[in-house]
Amino acid sequence: MPEENQIRDKVVIVGLNSPVLKSDSADDESMEELSALVETAGGSVEGVALQNRPAPDPRTFIGEGKAEEIKEYCKNVEASMVIFDNDLSPSQMRVLTELFGVQVLDRCGLILDIFARRARTSEGRLQVELAQYQYLLPRLTGMWTHLERQAGTSGRGPIGSKGPGETQLETDRRHIRRKIDKLREDLEDVRRVRNTQRRQRQKREIPVAAIVGYTNAGKSTLLNYLTGAAIPANDRLFDTLDTTSRVLRLNEFQDIIISDTVGFIRKLPHQLIEAFKATLEELEYADLILHVIDISHPEWEHQRRVVENLISELGAGELPRIDIYNKIDKISADEILPRGPDICRISARTGDGIDNLLNIISKRLNQGLRRVKISLPYDKGNLLELLYQEGRVERVDYGESIEITAICGPAAYGKIRPYLAREIMNEESREES
């Protein structure tokens, strides 16, 4: 297996800018991002070609003349691969591969390759494998010459294969569809496990904050700083693919679970959105979204919109959200930054602004939380077990009754309220004010 820093391929990247393509159209920014993706995959960009056309060419996508030009350029720089910033049809990919004489890949295929190399957990591998098969299925035709041969018409097949037969292509399609069905079943099992874990968290009233953001915005660095999770945080795209969840002691009253998610990116392949729903569905059930934005990136506003659109697509657009503008250590002090009650400016690398972030999270999640002292009759001892399950018991003294100091949320509070001796948290809040 090649080392991470070993160059796997010399690559020429190509993009088509056309009003017909709308969101799939290439521009300078998307080509720059594609170049970073190539480097993340271990390739070396030897040339860049951005073509402008009113509409894609049905056969070569970029036009016959431009295709010939890129063919010659590939020979001159000894490129081993051409990668397009746009999605190519299976027939276009086949034509261009034959014309260039080197492997042709589109943006979707490149991202899938990166994901396949980076996935570490069994769940992550399942998700990537499903996305790869969904990507491969419509591209089978013509990828290998043996696919068009009949198994039973050559006269040289094994006994029992004589007759109309079945094309190898149809056999492979059936095999891939079976694999897709099996992978979907496996991912449903993952979802069931997640649902069980989620119900247990909800029963204990432990809030969940999901960290989201554009790839390389600093999500893993933030989780590391907050929880000491020791997740590798490198300056490269899609460095984190598998969801990591850690418990954070927010304050003396409450723990929360913080989950890191895969980085978002413009033109994220739809196969990956579908395949990664087992991970990204955490957003739908989160109590709070922490949207990390790299304020030092020249395209941070566009990146923010990409993430917000994907959050909405995943059904989490109405959830409470804190916008965290990260990497303030990389910008000038006089730069004007967004302000607001749910906006925080930090450096996850240096820790600047983290205390303010924790205060904002606490205000968002501590609503309805109470620290109480209760006096339980012994025949109501089952309520102590309830507090252990749904709250946090700090102290228990046994005397004439069971004297308990605990922290609980609204559901548990309603059940123990008749035995309330004193509500501590509200008194402390009044003293602070």
Protein backbone atom coordinates (compact mmCIF):
# COMPACT_ATOMS: atom_id res chain seq x y z
CA MET A 1 0.00 0.00 0.00
CA PRO A 2 1.46 3.41 -0.93
CA GLU A 3 2.55 5.80 1.80
CA GLU A 4 0.38 8.83 2.52
CA ASN A 5 2.96 11.24 1.08
CA GLN A 6 3.82 9.11 -1.96
CA ILE A 7 2.60 10.48 -5.31
CA ARG A 8 0.17 7.96 -6.78
CA ASP A 9 -0.55 9.65 -10.14
CA LYS A 10 0.39 12.62 -12.28
CA VAL A 11 -2.94 14.31 -12.91
CA VAL A 12 -4.37 16.86 -15.32
CA ILE A 13 -7.55 18.43 -13.97
CA VAL A 14 -10.27 19.65 -16.33
CA GLY A 15 -13.45 21.62 -15.76
CA LEU A 16 -16.32 22.87 -17.90
CA ASN A 17 -18.00 26.18 -17.17
CA SER A 18 -21.45 26.27 -18.73
CA PRO A 19 -24.74 27.92 -17.73
CA VAL A 20 -26.52 24.66 -18.59
CA LEU A 21 -24.71 22.80 -15.79
CA LYS A 22 -25.87 25.24 -13.05
CA SER A 23 -24.48 24.01 -9.69
CA ASP A 24 -22.25 21.42 -11.40
CA SER A 25 -20.48 24.08 -13.44
CA ALA A 26 -16.75 24.52 -12.81
CA ASP A 27 -15.10 27.81 -11.86
CA ASP A 28 -11.73 28.95 -10.50
CA GLU A 29 -12.71 28.20 -6.89
CA SER A 30 -14.04 24.70 -7.57
CA MET A 31 -10.95 23.90 -9.66
CA GLU A 32 -8.72 25.04 -6.80
CA GLU A 33 -10.69 22.78 -4.47
CA LEU A 34 -10.39 19.90 -6.95
CA SER A 35 -6.62 20.42 -6.95
CA ALA A 36 -6.62 20.12 -3.15
CA LEU A 37 -8.70 16.93 -3.42
CA VAL A 38 -6.16 15.46 -5.86
CA GLU A 39 -3.35 16.23 -3.41
CA THR A 40 -5.40 14.70 -0.58
CA ALA A 41 -5.73 11.52 -2.68
CA GLY A 42 -1.94 11.43 -3.15
CA GLY A 43 -1.79 12.79 -6.70
CA SER A 44 0.25 15.59 -8.24
CA VAL A 45 -1.52 18.20 -10.41
CA GLU A 46 0.51 18.67 -13.61
CA GLY A 47 -1.94 20.91 -15.48
CA VAL A 48 -5.27 22.72 -15.23
CA ALA A 49 -7.77 23.31 -18.06
CA LEU A 50 -10.98 25.28 -17.55
CA GLN A 51 -13.15 25.27 -20.69
CA ASN A 52 -16.06 27.65 -21.37
CA ARG A 53 -18.91 26.38 -23.54
CA PRO A 54 -22.59 27.26 -23.82
CA ALA A 55 -23.42 23.55 -23.31
CA PRO A 56 -21.53 20.26 -22.81
CA ASP A 57 -20.62 18.26 -25.89
CA PRO A 58 -22.68 15.02 -25.81
CA ARG A 59 -19.69 12.89 -26.82
CA THR A 60 -16.56 14.45 -25.31
CA PHE A 61 -18.17 16.86 -22.81
CA ILE A 62 -15.56 19.59 -23.47
CA GLY A 63 -15.59 19.51 -27.30
CA GLU A 64 -13.45 17.63 -29.81
CA GLY A 65 -10.81 20.35 -30.19
CA LYS A 66 -10.24 20.80 -26.47
CA ALA A 67 -10.15 17.04 -25.96
CA GLU A 68 -7.37 16.70 -28.58
CA GLU A 69 -5.47 19.54 -26.90
CA ILE A 70 -5.65 17.80 -23.51
CA LYS A 71 -4.59 14.50 -25.10
CA GLU A 72 -1.36 16.09 -26.37
CA TYR A 73 -0.77 17.84 -23.06
CA CYS A 74 -1.08 14.52 -21.20
CA LYS A 75 1.61 13.03 -23.45
CA ASN A 76 3.92 16.00 -22.87
CA VAL A 77 3.72 15.91 -19.07
CA GLU A 78 3.43 12.09 -18.90
CA ALA A 79 0.16 12.31 -17.00
CA SER A 80 -1.37 9.02 -15.89
CA MET A 81 -4.86 10.37 -15.17
CA VAL A 82 -7.33 13.10 -16.13
CA ILE A 83 -9.86 14.18 -13.50
CA PHE A 84 -12.92 16.31 -14.32
CA ASP A 85 -14.47 18.78 -11.90
CA ASN A 86 -17.89 17.89 -13.33
CA ASP A 87 -19.91 14.69 -13.37
CA LEU A 88 -19.38 12.67 -16.56
CA SER A 89 -21.83 10.22 -18.09
CA PRO A 90 -20.60 6.62 -18.46
CA SER A 91 -20.35 7.02 -22.27
CA GLN A 92 -18.38 10.28 -21.99
CA MET A 93 -15.98 8.66 -19.54
CA ARG A 94 -15.49 5.73 -21.90
CA VAL A 95 -14.89 7.95 -24.95
CA LEU A 96 -12.44 10.21 -23.12
CA THR A 97 -10.52 7.27 -21.65
CA GLU A 98 -10.02 5.83 -25.15
CA LEU A 99 -9.08 9.24 -26.56
CA PHE A 100 -6.60 10.28 -23.85
CA GLY A 101 -5.11 6.82 -23.39
CA VAL A 102 -5.10 7.32 -19.59
CA GLN A 103 -7.62 6.74 -16.83
CA VAL A 104 -10.43 9.33 -16.63
CA LEU A 105 -12.22 10.08 -13.38
CA ASP A 106 -14.80 12.67 -12.39
CA ARG A 107 -15.10 14.62 -9.13
CA CYS A 108 -17.52 12.11 -7.64
CA GLY A 109 -15.18 9.19 -8.34
CA LEU A 110 -12.25 11.06 -6.81
CA ILE A 111 -14.14 11.85 -3.60
CA LEU A 112 -15.21 8.21 -3.32
CA ASP A 113 -11.57 7.14 -3.66
CA ILE A 114 -10.55 9.49 -0.84
CA PHE A 115 -13.37 8.22 1.35
CA ALA A 116 -12.41 4.61 0.66
CA ARG A 117 -8.82 5.27 1.76
CA ARG A 118 -9.79 7.23 4.88
CA ALA A 119 -12.67 5.22 6.37
CA ARG A 120 -11.49 3.45 9.52
CA THR A 121 -14.52 2.02 11.32
CA SER A 122 -16.64 -0.85 10.02
CA GLU A 123 -19.58 1.55 9.68
CA GLY A 124 -17.55 4.01 7.64
CA ARG A 125 -16.35 1.23 5.33
CA LEU A 126 -19.94 0.03 4.85
CA GLN A 127 -21.06 3.52 3.89
CA VAL A 128 -18.23 4.03 1.42
CA GLU A 129 -18.69 0.60 -0.17
CA LEU A 130 -22.39 1.28 -0.70
CA ALA A 131 -21.63 4.63 -2.34
CA GLN A 132 -19.00 3.03 -4.58
CA TYR A 133 -21.39 0.34 -5.83
CA GLN A 134 -24.11 2.93 -6.47
CA TYR A 135 -21.57 4.94 -8.47
CA LEU A 136 -20.32 1.88 -10.36
CA LEU A 137 -23.66 0.36 -11.38
CA PRO A 138 -24.58 2.77 -14.24
CA ARG A 139 -20.94 2.80 -15.43
CA LEU A 140 -20.57 -0.94 -16.06
CA THR A 141 -21.30 -0.85 -19.80
CA GLY A 142 -18.10 -0.87 -21.80
CA MET A 143 -15.75 -0.71 -18.82
CA TRP A 144 -14.40 -4.18 -19.58
CA THR A 145 -14.49 -5.94 -22.94
CA HIS A 146 -15.49 -9.27 -21.38
CA LEU A 147 -18.81 -7.83 -20.22
CA GLU A 148 -20.30 -7.97 -23.70
CA ARG A 149 -19.50 -11.64 -24.31
CA GLN A 150 -22.24 -14.21 -24.06
CA ALA A 151 -21.58 -17.03 -21.64
CA GLY A 152 -23.50 -19.66 -23.57
CA THR A 153 -23.12 -18.92 -27.30
CA SER A 154 -19.43 -19.47 -27.97
CA GLY A 155 -19.63 -23.25 -27.90
CA ARG A 156 -16.69 -23.33 -25.50
CA GLY A 157 -18.62 -22.83 -22.26
CA PRO A 158 -19.05 -25.50 -19.59
CA ILE A 159 -21.75 -28.16 -19.75
CA GLY A 160 -25.15 -26.66 -19.10
CA SER A 161 -24.22 -23.23 -20.40
CA LYS A 162 -25.28 -23.85 -24.00
CA GLY A 163 -28.21 -21.73 -25.11
CA PRO A 164 -29.14 -18.07 -25.21
CA GLY A 165 -27.06 -17.50 -22.08
CA GLU A 166 -26.72 -14.31 -20.11
CA THR A 167 -24.31 -11.46 -20.76
CA GLN A 168 -21.55 -10.99 -18.21
CA LEU A 169 -22.81 -7.43 -17.87
CA GLU A 170 -26.21 -8.63 -16.63
CA THR A 171 -24.52 -11.05 -14.25
CA ASP A 172 -22.35 -8.28 -12.81
CA ARG A 173 -25.32 -5.95 -12.49
CA ARG A 174 -27.26 -8.59 -10.56
CA HIS A 175 -24.25 -9.21 -8.32
CA ILE A 176 -23.84 -5.48 -7.60
CA ARG A 177 -27.54 -5.04 -6.86
CA ARG A 178 -27.34 -7.93 -4.37
CA LYS A 179 -24.32 -6.27 -2.76
CA ILE A 180 -26.18 -2.94 -2.54
CA ASP A 181 -29.19 -4.62 -0.90
CA LYS A 182 -26.92 -6.38 1.62
CA LEU A 183 -25.05 -3.17 2.45
CA ARG A 184 -28.33 -1.32 2.97
CA GLU A 185 -29.45 -4.06 5.38
CA ASP A 186 -26.16 -3.76 7.28
CA LEU A 187 -26.54 0.01 7.51
CA GLU A 188 -30.10 -0.41 8.79
CA ASP A 189 -28.62 -2.55 11.58
CA VAL A 190 -26.23 0.32 12.33
CA ARG A 191 -29.19 2.71 12.49
CA ARG A 192 -31.02 0.41 14.89
CA VAL A 193 -27.99 0.36 17.21
CA ARG A 194 -27.77 4.15 16.99
CA ASN A 195 -31.47 4.49 17.77
CA THR A 196 -31.04 2.30 20.86
CA GLN A 197 -28.10 4.42 22.02
CA ARG A 198 -30.07 7.59 21.28
CA ARG A 199 -33.06 6.41 23.32
CA GLN A 200 -30.76 5.67 26.25
CA ARG A 201 -29.27 9.17 26.02
CA GLN A 202 -32.72 10.74 25.83
CA LYS A 203 -33.88 8.69 28.81
CA ARG A 204 -30.96 10.06 30.81
CA GLU A 205 -31.64 13.51 29.34
CA ILE A 206 -28.08 13.97 28.07
CA PRO A 207 -28.15 16.62 25.33
CA VAL A 208 -26.26 16.11 22.08
CA ALA A 209 -24.35 18.82 20.21
CA ALA A 210 -23.29 17.91 16.66
CA ILE A 211 -20.26 19.63 15.15
CA VAL A 212 -20.68 20.30 11.43
CA GLY A 213 -18.79 22.37 8.91
CA TYR A 214 -17.02 22.52 5.59
CA THR A 215 -14.17 20.07 5.23
CA ASN A 216 -10.96 21.31 6.89
CA ALA A 217 -12.81 24.00 8.90
CA GLY A 218 -11.30 22.79 12.18
CA LYS A 219 -14.03 20.52 13.60
CA SER A 220 -11.70 17.79 14.87
CA THR A 221 -9.33 20.38 16.37
CA LEU A 222 -12.26 21.88 18.27
CA LEU A 223 -13.45 18.47 19.55
CA ASN A 224 -9.89 17.68 20.63
CA TYR A 225 -9.58 20.95 22.53
CA LEU A 226 -12.93 20.53 24.28
CA THR A 227 -12.72 16.85 25.19
CA GLY A 228 -9.14 15.67 24.67
CA ALA A 229 -10.41 13.20 22.07
CA ALA A 230 -6.97 12.91 20.40
CA ILE A 231 -8.46 12.74 16.89
CA PRO A 232 -5.84 13.29 14.16
CA ALA A 233 -6.38 16.89 12.98
CA ASN A 234 -4.41 17.51 9.80
CA ASP A 235 -4.58 20.30 7.26
CA ARG A 236 -6.17 18.24 4.51
CA LEU A 237 -9.63 17.62 3.12
CA PHE A 238 -11.83 14.82 4.50
CA ASP A 239 -9.38 13.94 7.27
CA THR A 240 -12.30 12.82 9.48
CA LEU A 241 -14.81 10.39 7.96
CA ASP A 242 -16.07 8.43 10.94
CA THR A 243 -18.30 10.03 13.53
CA THR A 244 -16.60 10.50 16.90
CA SER A 245 -18.66 11.19 20.03
CA ARG A 246 -17.24 12.29 23.37
CA VAL A 247 -18.72 13.37 26.70
CA LEU A 248 -17.96 16.94 27.79
CA ARG A 249 -18.52 18.23 31.34
CA LEU A 250 -20.18 21.51 30.39
CA ASN A 251 -20.43 22.79 33.94
CA GLU A 252 -21.01 21.43 37.44
CA PHE A 253 -24.63 20.68 36.58
CA GLN A 254 -24.47 18.98 33.21
CA ASP A 255 -22.65 16.67 30.82
CA ILE A 256 -23.26 16.82 27.09
CA ILE A 257 -22.30 14.56 24.20
CA ILE A 258 -20.41 16.23 21.35
CA SER A 259 -20.31 14.43 17.98
CA ASP A 260 -17.90 15.26 15.18
CA THR A 261 -19.21 14.59 11.65
CA VAL A 262 -17.73 14.22 8.18
CA GLY A 263 -16.80 17.51 6.52
CA PHE A 264 -19.15 18.91 3.89
CA ILE A 265 -18.05 20.10 0.47
CA ARG A 266 -19.62 21.72 -2.57
CA LYS A 267 -20.95 19.28 -5.14
CA LEU A 268 -20.95 16.46 -2.59
CA PRO A 269 -21.91 13.29 -4.52
CA HIS A 270 -25.53 12.41 -3.89
CA GLN A 271 -24.48 8.77 -3.37
CA LEU A 272 -22.51 9.92 -0.34
CA ILE A 273 -25.40 11.90 1.11
CA GLU A 274 -27.53 8.76 0.90
CA ALA A 275 -24.81 6.42 2.11
CA PHE A 276 -23.80 8.60 5.03
CA LYS A 277 -27.29 9.15 6.41
CA ALA A 278 -26.54 6.60 9.13
CA THR A 279 -23.90 9.05 10.36
CA LEU A 280 -25.44 12.37 9.39
CA GLU A 281 -28.86 11.47 10.80
CA GLU A 282 -27.28 12.37 14.16
CA LEU A 283 -27.96 15.95 13.08
CA GLU A 284 -31.70 15.35 12.95
CA TYR A 285 -31.73 14.16 16.58
CA ALA A 286 -29.19 16.63 17.95
CA ASP A 287 -30.29 19.22 20.50
CA LEU A 288 -27.83 21.76 19.11
CA ILE A 289 -25.74 22.19 15.97
CA LEU A 290 -22.28 23.72 16.22
CA HIS A 291 -21.45 25.04 12.75
CA VAL A 292 -17.69 25.58 12.48
CA ILE A 293 -16.68 28.11 9.79
CA ASP A 294 -13.09 28.75 8.69
CA ILE A 295 -13.11 32.57 8.80
CA SER A 296 -9.60 32.69 7.32
CA HIS A 297 -10.71 31.04 4.05
CA PRO A 298 -11.35 33.53 1.22
CA GLU A 299 -14.54 31.64 0.27
CA TRP A 300 -15.90 31.22 3.82
CA GLU A 301 -19.28 32.77 2.98
CA HIS A 302 -19.84 30.33 0.12
CA GLN A 303 -18.69 27.42 2.30
CA ARG A 304 -21.14 28.49 5.00
CA ARG A 305 -24.02 28.47 2.51
CA VAL A 306 -23.04 25.00 1.22
CA VAL A 307 -23.19 23.59 4.76
CA GLU A 308 -26.46 25.35 5.58
CA ASN A 309 -28.07 23.96 2.41
CA LEU A 310 -26.93 20.42 3.24
CA ILE A 311 -28.17 20.76 6.83
CA SER A 312 -31.60 21.68 5.43
CA GLU A 313 -31.46 18.78 2.95
CA LEU A 314 -30.83 16.41 5.87
CA GLY A 315 -33.92 17.71 7.67
CA ALA A 316 -32.08 19.57 10.44
CA GLY A 317 -32.61 23.14 9.25
CA GLU A 318 -34.90 24.10 12.16
CA LEU A 319 -32.57 22.94 14.94
CA PRO A 320 -30.93 25.50 17.25
CA ARG A 321 -27.51 26.43 15.88
CA ILE A 322 -24.41 28.27 17.02
CA ASP A 323 -22.17 29.66 14.26
CA ILE A 324 -18.54 29.28 15.35
CA TYR A 325 -16.10 31.40 13.35
CA ASN A 326 -12.83 29.52 13.74
CA LYS A 327 -9.15 30.37 13.00
CA ILE A 328 -9.33 33.98 14.18
CA ASP A 329 -5.59 33.65 14.88
CA LYS A 330 -5.06 33.62 11.08
CA ILE A 331 -6.78 36.95 10.29
CA SER A 332 -5.97 40.57 11.07
CA ALA A 333 -7.31 42.06 14.30
CA ASP A 334 -9.17 44.89 12.51
CA GLU A 335 -11.15 42.58 10.21
CA ILE A 336 -14.91 42.97 10.66
CA LEU A 337 -16.53 39.71 11.76
CA PRO A 338 -20.20 38.71 12.11
CA ARG A 339 -21.82 39.35 15.49
CA GLY A 340 -24.93 38.04 17.23
CA PRO A 341 -26.23 36.12 20.27
CA ASP A 342 -25.60 32.74 18.63
CA ILE A 343 -22.27 33.66 17.04
CA CYS A 344 -18.90 32.90 18.59
CA ARG A 345 -15.37 33.68 17.40
CA ILE A 346 -12.63 31.25 18.41
CA SER A 347 -9.30 29.69 17.60
CA ALA A 348 -9.61 25.95 18.21
CA ARG A 349 -5.82 25.74 17.87
CA THR A 350 -4.94 28.29 20.60
CA GLY A 351 -8.11 28.07 22.71
CA ASP A 352 -8.95 31.75 22.27
CA GLY A 353 -12.72 32.27 22.71
CA ILE A 354 -13.45 28.72 23.94
CA ASP A 355 -14.74 29.91 27.35
CA ASN A 356 -17.25 32.17 25.62
CA LEU A 357 -18.33 29.28 23.39
CA LEU A 358 -18.95 27.06 26.41
CA ASN A 359 -21.04 29.81 28.03
CA ILE A 360 -23.20 30.12 24.88
CA ILE A 361 -23.65 26.33 24.69
CA SER A 362 -24.55 26.24 28.38
CA LYS A 363 -27.23 28.91 27.97
CA ARG A 364 -28.67 27.04 25.00
CA LEU A 365 -28.77 23.59 26.65
CA ASN A 366 -29.34 24.30 30.33
CA GLN A 367 -32.89 25.56 29.90
CA GLY A 368 -35.15 23.62 32.24
CA LEU A 369 -32.30 21.96 34.16
CA ARG A 370 -32.69 22.03 37.96
CA ARG A 371 -30.51 21.16 40.90
CA VAL A 372 -32.75 20.05 43.74
CA LYS A 373 -32.85 18.68 47.26
CA ILE A 374 -35.64 16.23 47.91
CA SER A 375 -36.84 14.25 50.92
CA LEU A 376 -38.22 10.87 49.83
CA PRO A 377 -40.28 8.51 52.00
CA TYR A 378 -38.79 5.02 51.93
CA ASP A 379 -41.85 3.64 50.14
CA LYS A 380 -41.01 6.02 47.24
CA GLY A 381 -37.46 4.71 46.88
CA ASN A 382 -38.15 3.88 43.23
CA LEU A 383 -37.84 7.63 42.49
CA LEU A 384 -34.19 7.49 43.56
CA GLU A 385 -33.60 4.92 40.82
CA LEU A 386 -35.40 7.27 38.43
CA LEU A 387 -32.98 10.08 39.33
CA TYR A 388 -30.01 7.78 38.76
CA GLN A 389 -31.37 6.91 35.30
CA GLU A 390 -32.63 10.31 34.14
CA GLY A 391 -30.50 12.77 36.09
CA ARG A 392 -27.34 12.99 38.14
CA VAL A 393 -27.43 12.11 41.82
CA GLU A 394 -24.83 14.05 43.80
CA ARG A 395 -25.55 12.94 47.35
CA VAL A 396 -27.80 10.49 49.25
CA ASP A 397 -28.29 10.46 53.03
CA TYR A 398 -30.47 7.91 54.82
CA GLY A 399 -32.27 9.04 57.97
CA GLU A 400 -35.92 9.38 58.78
CA SER A 401 -36.31 9.77 55.01
CA ILE A 402 -34.01 9.56 51.99
CA GLU A 403 -32.35 12.97 51.59
CA ILE A 404 -31.15 13.45 47.99
CA THR A 405 -29.27 16.20 46.17
CA ALA A 406 -29.55 15.79 42.40
CA ILE A 407 -29.67 17.52 39.04
CA CYS A 408 -32.61 16.71 36.78
CA GLY A 409 -34.48 17.88 33.72
CA PRO A 410 -38.16 18.76 33.31
CA ALA A 411 -39.44 15.17 32.93
CA ALA A 412 -37.85 13.87 36.14
CA TYR A 413 -38.59 17.12 37.96
CA GLY A 414 -42.31 16.68 37.39
CA LYS A 415 -42.21 13.26 39.09
CA ILE A 416 -40.17 14.26 42.16
CA ARG A 417 -41.70 17.71 42.67
CA PRO A 418 -44.10 16.63 45.48
CA TYR A 419 -41.03 15.69 47.59
CA LEU A 420 -39.04 18.87 46.86
CA ALA A 421 -37.18 20.22 49.90
CA ARG A 422 -35.34 23.01 48.10
CA GLU A 423 -34.52 23.98 44.54
CA ILE A 424 -30.86 24.99 44.62
CA MET A 425 -30.12 26.06 41.06
CA ASN A 426 -32.80 28.74 40.89
CA GLU A 427 -31.62 30.19 44.21
CA GLU A 428 -28.05 30.36 42.90
CA SER A 429 -29.26 32.03 39.70
CA ARG A 430 -31.10 34.70 41.72
CA GLU A 431 -27.97 35.33 43.84
CA GLU A 432 -25.87 35.80 40.66
CA SER A 433 -28.36 38.29 39.26
